[in-house]
Amino acid sequence: MKKILIVNNFGIGDVLFSTPLVSALQLSDPGALVSYICNPRTADFLRQDPRINKVFVYDRDAFVAVYRRSPWNFMMKWKAFVDEIHGAGYDTAYDLSGGSALSLALLLAGIPRRIGFDYKGRGRWLTHKIPLYGYEGRHVIEYNMDLLALGGGGGMVAGGQPLMRLFVPVQDQSWAADFLGAQGLADKSFLIMYPGGGASWGRDAGLKRWPAESWVKLAEKIIERSTLPIILMGDKNEESLCRQVAGAVQRPLIVLAGQTTLLQSAALMRQARAVIVNDGGPLHMAVACGVRTVSLFGPVDPVVYGPFPIGEHKVLVKGMMCQPCYRKFRMSSCTHLSCLKTLTVDAVYQALEEWLS
């Protein structure tokens, strides 16, 4: 039985971008066991994927903290991590990390075929590699699917369209049903807004956010012209932003930011009429859950990081000469963010309007 390991230690969106690769691997080799190395934030939803046999958690911050306390303890922790992978006996690894640390772990774990991207020479431990200078001109998913050819598979799943998948367990679906019942809401009878957009950019997450006052005006316009209730969602760090938006709107909004798990959020998304969201992990969760989205893009190129496939999803981008200013994994020194500040409430509302009735 073939045993395959996928490596991606980035955020929610990046890991969801790899789920079509899981589908394609199992289509090309139905008997294969597929496992995954991810970070702690994405482990829960990967564990719910019935196509994934085992999940290894790589917490880079924990490794760094141990090293600062004791290099010896770091070595012991690193050895235990490598030994655990080695014990599973993988034949092939697909490394999407773009770095050298995890590809070295794959080498030390005795995996003979190590396939991935060679970014700035960091793919030196890989046996099969594609040079990467940054994602440009096409979607990250399409780049990931290119790796299949190196592994001996095709470049697409059956039907020619790679699709993201996010599996929501029954208990979280039940939680969503109970919550909506308590609010007097039915399936597809409400909207979800994400004024934040996830944690993938850390302290710079605000660079991808439409201004709070624009979210306020959009909510007020929807309330004036529609009967659909609005739920504001986000993580714990975005709770104050959501409450700021809710506090400035004349009619009550439901604020759930910081009160749900990742999978509870996904379960609620599945029931929404539409999700209005900044560029970030929640956008790709919504796409993977099969709900329609209106997404707002500023520094980042939606061709590369937007909804995939585009389908019914609507992407709002100002189209300024300087866009995108996030290229080759680097953000420019832009401080004015005119691309988001000048994206009008009317334009966003018009994209959403046909779904309101």
Protein backbone atom coordinates (compact mmCIF):
# COMPACT_ATOMS: atom_id res chain seq x y z
CA MET A 1 0.00 0.00 0.00
CA LYS A 2 1.42 3.36 -1.06
CA LYS A 3 1.84 5.87 1.76
CA ILE A 4 1.96 9.57 0.92
CA LEU A 5 2.68 12.57 3.15
CA ILE A 6 1.64 16.16 2.34
CA VAL A 7 3.42 19.03 4.10
CA ASN A 8 1.89 22.49 4.49
CA ASN A 9 2.51 24.45 7.69
CA PHE A 10 0.78 27.65 6.56
CA GLY A 11 -2.70 29.04 7.30
CA ILE A 12 -6.25 27.94 6.64
CA GLY A 13 -6.46 29.14 3.04
CA ASP A 14 -3.14 27.59 2.05
CA VAL A 15 -4.10 24.22 3.52
CA LEU A 16 -7.49 24.30 1.79
CA PHE A 17 -5.62 25.04 -1.45
CA SER A 18 -3.92 21.66 -0.98
CA THR A 19 -7.13 19.63 -0.60
CA PRO A 20 -7.56 19.18 -4.39
CA LEU A 21 -4.14 17.54 -4.32
CA VAL A 22 -5.49 15.02 -1.79
CA SER A 23 -8.39 14.23 -4.16
CA ALA A 24 -6.08 13.85 -7.15
CA LEU A 25 -3.66 11.58 -5.30
CA GLN A 26 -6.44 9.25 -4.25
CA LEU A 27 -7.91 9.21 -7.75
CA SER A 28 -4.55 8.29 -9.27
CA ASP A 29 -3.89 5.64 -6.60
CA PRO A 30 -7.14 4.63 -4.84
CA GLY A 31 -5.37 2.38 -2.35
CA ALA A 32 -2.95 5.03 -1.12
CA LEU A 33 -2.90 6.25 2.48
CA VAL A 34 -2.50 10.02 2.62
CA SER A 35 -1.22 11.82 5.75
CA TYR A 36 -0.49 15.45 6.49
CA ILE A 37 1.94 17.71 8.39
CA CYS A 38 0.27 21.02 9.34
CA ASN A 39 0.32 23.71 12.01
CA PRO A 40 -1.93 23.67 15.12
CA ARG A 41 -4.49 26.09 13.61
CA THR A 42 -5.42 23.76 10.75
CA ALA A 43 -5.10 20.38 12.46
CA ASP A 44 -8.72 20.17 13.64
CA PHE A 45 -10.34 20.43 10.23
CA LEU A 46 -7.78 18.14 8.59
CA ARG A 47 -8.55 15.48 11.20
CA GLN A 48 -12.18 15.56 10.02
CA ASP A 49 -11.19 14.74 6.43
CA PRO A 50 -11.92 11.03 5.91
CA ARG A 51 -9.39 10.94 3.07
CA ILE A 52 -6.53 11.75 5.46
CA ASN A 53 -5.14 8.84 7.45
CA LYS A 54 -2.97 10.70 9.99
CA VAL A 55 -2.19 14.30 10.95
CA PHE A 56 1.18 15.38 12.33
CA VAL A 57 1.26 18.80 13.99
CA TYR A 58 4.34 20.94 13.45
CA ASP A 59 4.29 23.92 15.82
CA ARG A 60 7.18 26.10 14.70
CA ASP A 61 6.71 28.56 17.57
CA ALA A 62 6.94 25.70 20.08
CA PHE A 63 10.18 24.47 18.50
CA VAL A 64 11.65 27.99 18.62
CA ALA A 65 10.64 28.42 22.26
CA VAL A 66 12.27 25.11 23.24
CA TYR A 67 15.46 26.03 21.36
CA ARG A 68 15.73 29.34 23.22
CA ARG A 69 15.48 27.52 26.53
CA SER A 70 17.74 24.59 25.66
CA PRO A 71 19.31 23.60 22.31
CA TRP A 72 19.68 20.07 23.68
CA ASN A 73 15.96 19.78 24.44
CA PHE A 74 15.28 21.19 20.98
CA MET A 75 17.34 18.40 19.43
CA MET A 76 15.44 15.80 21.43
CA LYS A 77 12.09 17.30 20.39
CA TRP A 78 13.19 17.46 16.75
CA LYS A 79 14.39 13.85 16.85
CA ALA A 80 11.07 12.70 18.31
CA PHE A 81 9.21 14.52 15.53
CA VAL A 82 11.38 12.95 12.80
CA ASP A 83 11.18 9.50 14.41
CA GLU A 84 7.38 9.64 14.45
CA ILE A 85 7.33 10.35 10.71
CA HIS A 86 9.97 7.70 10.06
CA GLY A 87 7.93 5.11 11.91
CA ALA A 88 5.00 5.57 9.54
CA GLY A 89 7.11 4.47 6.54
CA TYR A 90 6.12 6.93 3.83
CA ASP A 91 7.08 6.32 0.19
CA THR A 92 6.47 9.83 -1.13
CA ALA A 93 6.12 13.32 0.31
CA TYR A 94 4.69 16.44 -1.31
CA ASP A 95 6.29 19.41 0.45
CA LEU A 96 4.33 22.66 -0.04
CA SER A 97 6.20 24.52 2.72
CA GLY A 98 8.67 26.24 0.41
CA GLY A 99 11.32 25.98 3.13
CA SER A 100 14.24 23.76 4.02
CA ALA A 101 13.49 22.72 7.62
CA LEU A 102 10.59 20.39 6.93
CA SER A 103 12.11 18.99 3.75
CA LEU A 104 15.18 18.11 5.84
CA ALA A 105 12.87 16.33 8.29
CA LEU A 106 11.47 14.32 5.37
CA LEU A 107 14.99 13.31 4.34
CA LEU A 108 15.93 12.30 7.89
CA ALA A 109 12.67 10.35 8.14
CA GLY A 110 13.82 8.18 5.24
CA ILE A 111 11.19 9.19 2.69
CA PRO A 112 12.77 8.29 -0.68
CA ARG A 113 10.70 10.57 -2.96
CA ARG A 114 10.40 14.16 -1.79
CA ILE A 115 8.51 16.41 -4.21
CA GLY A 116 8.01 20.14 -3.87
CA PHE A 117 8.88 23.72 -4.75
CA ASP A 118 12.42 25.09 -4.79
CA TYR A 119 12.03 28.65 -3.52
CA LYS A 120 15.31 30.58 -3.24
CA GLY A 121 17.29 27.34 -3.17
CA ARG A 122 15.44 26.08 -0.08
CA GLY A 123 14.41 22.90 -1.88
CA ARG A 124 17.89 21.39 -1.67
CA TRP A 125 16.65 18.36 0.29
CA LEU A 126 13.99 17.52 -2.30
CA THR A 127 14.50 14.77 -4.87
CA HIS A 128 11.98 16.22 -7.38
CA LYS A 129 11.45 19.97 -7.50
CA ILE A 130 9.91 22.84 -9.45
CA PRO A 131 11.66 26.24 -9.25
CA LEU A 132 9.41 28.81 -7.59
CA TYR A 133 9.92 32.57 -7.58
CA GLY A 134 6.48 33.41 -6.27
CA TYR A 135 2.92 32.63 -7.33
CA GLU A 136 2.10 34.76 -10.36
CA GLY A 137 -0.62 34.75 -13.02
CA ARG A 138 -2.55 31.66 -11.92
CA HIS A 139 -3.99 30.18 -8.77
CA VAL A 140 -1.97 28.52 -6.01
CA ILE A 141 -4.11 25.41 -6.49
CA GLU A 142 -2.89 25.14 -10.06
CA TYR A 143 0.72 25.41 -8.88
CA ASN A 144 0.09 22.63 -6.36
CA MET A 145 -1.43 20.41 -9.03
CA ASP A 146 1.74 20.83 -11.13
CA LEU A 147 3.55 18.70 -8.54
CA LEU A 148 1.47 15.66 -9.53
CA ALA A 149 3.37 15.33 -12.79
CA LEU A 150 6.62 15.01 -10.82
CA GLY A 151 5.01 12.29 -8.75
CA GLY A 152 3.84 10.38 -11.80
CA GLY A 153 0.21 11.47 -11.71
CA GLY A 154 -1.88 13.73 -13.91
CA GLY A 155 -2.38 17.42 -13.41
CA MET A 156 -6.11 17.50 -12.70
CA VAL A 157 -8.81 15.57 -10.91
CA ALA A 158 -11.60 13.79 -12.77
CA GLY A 159 -13.69 16.29 -14.70
CA GLY A 160 -10.76 18.67 -15.04
CA GLN A 161 -11.66 20.93 -12.11
CA PRO A 162 -9.83 20.75 -8.77
CA LEU A 163 -12.16 21.52 -5.86
CA MET A 164 -11.40 22.42 -2.26
CA ARG A 165 -13.01 20.29 0.45
CA LEU A 166 -13.78 21.04 4.08
CA PHE A 167 -15.54 18.32 6.09
CA VAL A 168 -17.78 19.47 8.95
CA PRO A 169 -18.58 16.86 11.63
CA VAL A 170 -22.13 16.11 12.71
CA GLN A 171 -21.73 17.66 16.16
CA ASP A 172 -20.79 21.03 14.66
CA GLN A 173 -23.67 20.85 12.19
CA SER A 174 -25.96 20.19 15.16
CA TRP A 175 -24.49 23.15 17.02
CA ALA A 176 -25.21 25.41 14.03
CA ALA A 177 -28.79 24.12 13.75
CA ASP A 178 -29.38 24.73 17.47
CA PHE A 179 -27.88 28.22 17.31
CA LEU A 180 -29.98 29.20 14.30
CA GLY A 181 -33.09 27.74 15.90
CA ALA A 182 -32.50 29.82 19.04
CA GLN A 183 -32.19 32.93 16.87
CA GLY A 184 -35.32 32.07 14.88
CA LEU A 185 -33.31 31.73 11.67
CA ALA A 186 -33.80 29.20 8.89
CA ASP A 187 -31.40 27.80 6.30
CA LYS A 188 -30.27 30.49 3.79
CA SER A 189 -32.20 33.19 5.68
CA PHE A 190 -29.21 35.26 6.87
CA LEU A 191 -25.92 36.80 5.79
CA ILE A 192 -22.47 36.46 7.35
CA MET A 193 -19.94 39.29 7.37
CA TYR A 194 -16.26 39.00 8.26
CA PRO A 195 -14.92 42.55 8.88
CA GLY A 196 -11.58 40.96 9.80
CA GLY A 197 -10.29 38.11 7.70
CA GLY A 198 -8.18 35.71 9.69
CA ALA A 199 -4.76 35.56 11.28
CA SER A 200 -2.50 34.57 8.40
CA TRP A 201 -0.77 37.97 8.17
CA GLY A 202 -0.38 38.35 11.93
CA ARG A 203 0.30 41.96 12.92
CA ASP A 204 -0.19 43.03 9.29
CA ALA A 205 -3.67 41.51 8.98
CA GLY A 206 -5.16 45.01 8.87
CA LEU A 207 -3.56 45.58 5.47
CA LYS A 208 -6.15 43.25 3.93
CA ARG A 209 -9.21 44.76 5.65
CA TRP A 210 -11.86 47.00 4.15
CA PRO A 211 -12.31 49.96 6.57
CA ALA A 212 -14.64 49.40 9.54
CA GLU A 213 -16.77 52.41 8.58
CA SER A 214 -17.38 50.85 5.17
CA TRP A 215 -18.66 47.67 6.83
CA VAL A 216 -21.00 49.83 8.93
CA LYS A 217 -22.40 51.57 5.85
CA LEU A 218 -22.80 48.27 3.98
CA ALA A 219 -24.69 46.72 6.90
CA GLU A 220 -26.99 49.75 7.11
CA LYS A 221 -27.68 49.60 3.37
CA ILE A 222 -28.52 45.89 3.54
CA ILE A 223 -30.84 46.49 6.50
CA GLU A 224 -32.62 49.32 4.65
CA ARG A 225 -33.34 47.18 1.59
CA SER A 226 -33.54 43.61 2.88
CA THR A 227 -35.02 41.63 5.75
CA LEU A 228 -31.99 39.31 6.04
CA PRO A 229 -30.34 39.35 9.48
CA ILE A 230 -26.55 39.80 9.58
CA ILE A 231 -24.12 37.76 11.67
CA LEU A 232 -20.67 39.25 12.28
CA MET A 233 -17.96 36.60 12.61
CA GLY A 234 -14.22 36.43 13.20
CA ASP A 235 -11.64 35.07 15.61
CA LYS A 236 -11.01 36.26 19.17
CA ASN A 237 -8.62 38.98 17.99
CA GLU A 238 -11.35 40.38 15.73
CA GLU A 239 -14.09 40.51 18.36
CA SER A 240 -13.51 44.18 19.20
CA LEU A 241 -13.60 45.09 15.49
CA CYS A 242 -16.92 43.27 15.05
CA ARG A 243 -18.39 44.94 18.14
CA GLN A 244 -17.22 48.31 16.83
CA VAL A 245 -19.09 47.69 13.58
CA ALA A 246 -22.20 46.40 15.37
CA GLY A 247 -22.20 49.33 17.79
CA ALA A 248 -22.28 51.85 14.94
CA VAL A 249 -25.23 50.23 13.12
CA GLN A 250 -28.68 51.48 14.10
CA ARG A 251 -30.35 48.04 14.16
CA PRO A 252 -29.02 45.02 16.10
CA LEU A 253 -26.52 42.67 14.47
CA ILE A 254 -25.59 39.25 15.82
CA VAL A 255 -21.94 39.24 16.94
CA LEU A 256 -20.34 35.79 17.09
CA ALA A 257 -16.70 36.80 16.72
CA GLY A 258 -14.48 34.91 19.14
CA GLN A 259 -17.31 32.61 20.22
CA THR A 260 -17.04 29.74 17.74
CA THR A 261 -14.53 27.08 16.86
CA LEU A 262 -13.23 26.82 13.31
CA LEU A 263 -15.59 23.95 12.52
CA GLN A 264 -18.59 25.67 14.13
CA SER A 265 -17.88 28.67 11.91
CA ALA A 266 -17.80 26.39 8.87
CA ALA A 267 -21.07 24.73 9.88
CA LEU A 268 -22.75 28.13 10.16
CA MET A 269 -21.34 29.27 6.82
CA ARG A 270 -22.92 26.27 5.11
CA GLN A 271 -26.37 27.60 6.11
CA ALA A 272 -25.82 31.25 5.08
CA ARG A 273 -27.35 32.94 2.03
CA ALA A 274 -23.95 34.47 1.32
CA VAL A 275 -20.71 35.44 3.04
CA ILE A 276 -19.18 38.90 2.60
CA VAL A 277 -15.53 38.73 3.52
CA ASN A 278 -12.08 40.23 3.15
CA ASP A 279 -9.27 38.25 1.55
CA GLY A 280 -8.20 35.54 4.01
CA GLY A 281 -8.84 32.09 5.42
CA PRO A 282 -12.58 32.59 6.10
CA LEU A 283 -13.13 33.31 2.40
CA HIS A 284 -11.66 29.96 1.40
CA MET A 285 -13.58 28.16 4.15
CA ALA A 286 -16.79 29.59 2.71
CA VAL A 287 -15.82 28.52 -0.82
CA ALA A 288 -14.95 25.02 0.40
CA CYS A 289 -18.30 24.86 2.21
CA GLY A 290 -20.16 25.63 -1.02
CA VAL A 291 -21.62 28.98 0.02
CA ARG A 292 -21.67 32.01 -2.28
CA THR A 293 -19.21 34.77 -1.44
CA VAL A 294 -18.50 38.42 -2.11
CA SER A 295 -14.82 38.98 -1.37
CA LEU A 296 -12.85 42.23 -1.14
CA PHE A 297 -9.24 42.29 -2.32
CA GLY A 298 -6.60 44.97 -1.84
CA PRO A 299 -2.85 44.20 -1.86
CA VAL A 300 -3.27 40.54 -2.89
CA ASP A 301 -3.96 39.26 -6.40
CA PRO A 302 -7.34 37.43 -6.51
CA VAL A 303 -6.20 35.54 -9.62
CA VAL A 304 -3.62 33.84 -7.39
CA TYR A 305 -5.33 33.79 -3.99
CA GLY A 306 -9.00 34.33 -4.77
CA PRO A 307 -12.00 31.96 -4.80
CA PHE A 308 -11.32 28.84 -6.85
CA PRO A 309 -13.08 27.94 -9.00
CA ILE A 310 -14.69 31.35 -9.43
CA GLY A 311 -18.20 29.94 -10.13
CA GLU A 312 -20.83 32.19 -8.58
CA HIS A 313 -18.34 33.90 -6.32
CA LYS A 314 -17.91 37.64 -6.80
CA VAL A 315 -14.59 39.38 -6.29
CA LEU A 316 -14.31 43.12 -5.73
CA VAL A 317 -10.97 44.70 -6.61
CA LYS A 318 -10.41 48.38 -7.35
CA GLY A 319 -7.96 47.71 -10.18
CA MET A 320 -5.45 50.41 -9.34
CA MET A 321 -2.17 50.59 -11.25
CA CYS A 322 -0.22 49.54 -8.15
CA GLN A 323 -2.29 46.41 -7.53
CA PRO A 324 -1.30 43.80 -6.53
CA CYS A 325 1.40 45.12 -4.23
CA TYR A 326 1.86 41.75 -2.49
CA ARG A 327 4.05 39.81 -4.90
CA LYS A 328 6.56 36.99 -4.59
CA PHE A 329 5.61 36.54 -0.91
CA ARG A 330 6.51 40.15 -0.09
CA MET A 331 4.37 43.20 0.67
CA SER A 332 5.40 46.57 -0.77
CA SER A 333 5.94 49.58 1.47
CA CYS A 334 2.46 50.94 0.67
CA THR A 335 0.98 52.91 3.58
CA HIS A 336 -2.12 54.52 2.01
CA LEU A 337 -4.09 51.36 1.05
CA SER A 338 -6.15 53.34 -1.43
CA CYS A 339 -7.14 50.08 -3.14
CA LEU A 340 -9.35 49.20 -0.18
CA LYS A 341 -10.26 52.66 1.09
CA THR A 342 -11.67 53.69 -2.29
CA LEU A 343 -13.62 50.46 -2.83
CA THR A 344 -17.16 51.81 -2.47
CA VAL A 345 -20.07 50.51 -0.45
CA ASP A 346 -22.28 50.83 -3.54
CA ALA A 347 -19.99 48.54 -5.55
CA VAL A 348 -20.03 45.87 -2.85
CA TYR A 349 -23.78 46.14 -2.39
CA GLN A 350 -24.41 45.83 -6.13
CA ALA A 351 -22.38 42.61 -6.20
CA LEU A 352 -24.49 41.24 -3.36
CA GLU A 353 -27.90 42.65 -4.34
CA GLU A 354 -29.19 39.80 -6.51
CA TRP A 355 -28.81 37.35 -3.61
CA LEU A 356 -30.81 39.44 -1.12
CA SER A 357 -34.32 38.65 -2.34
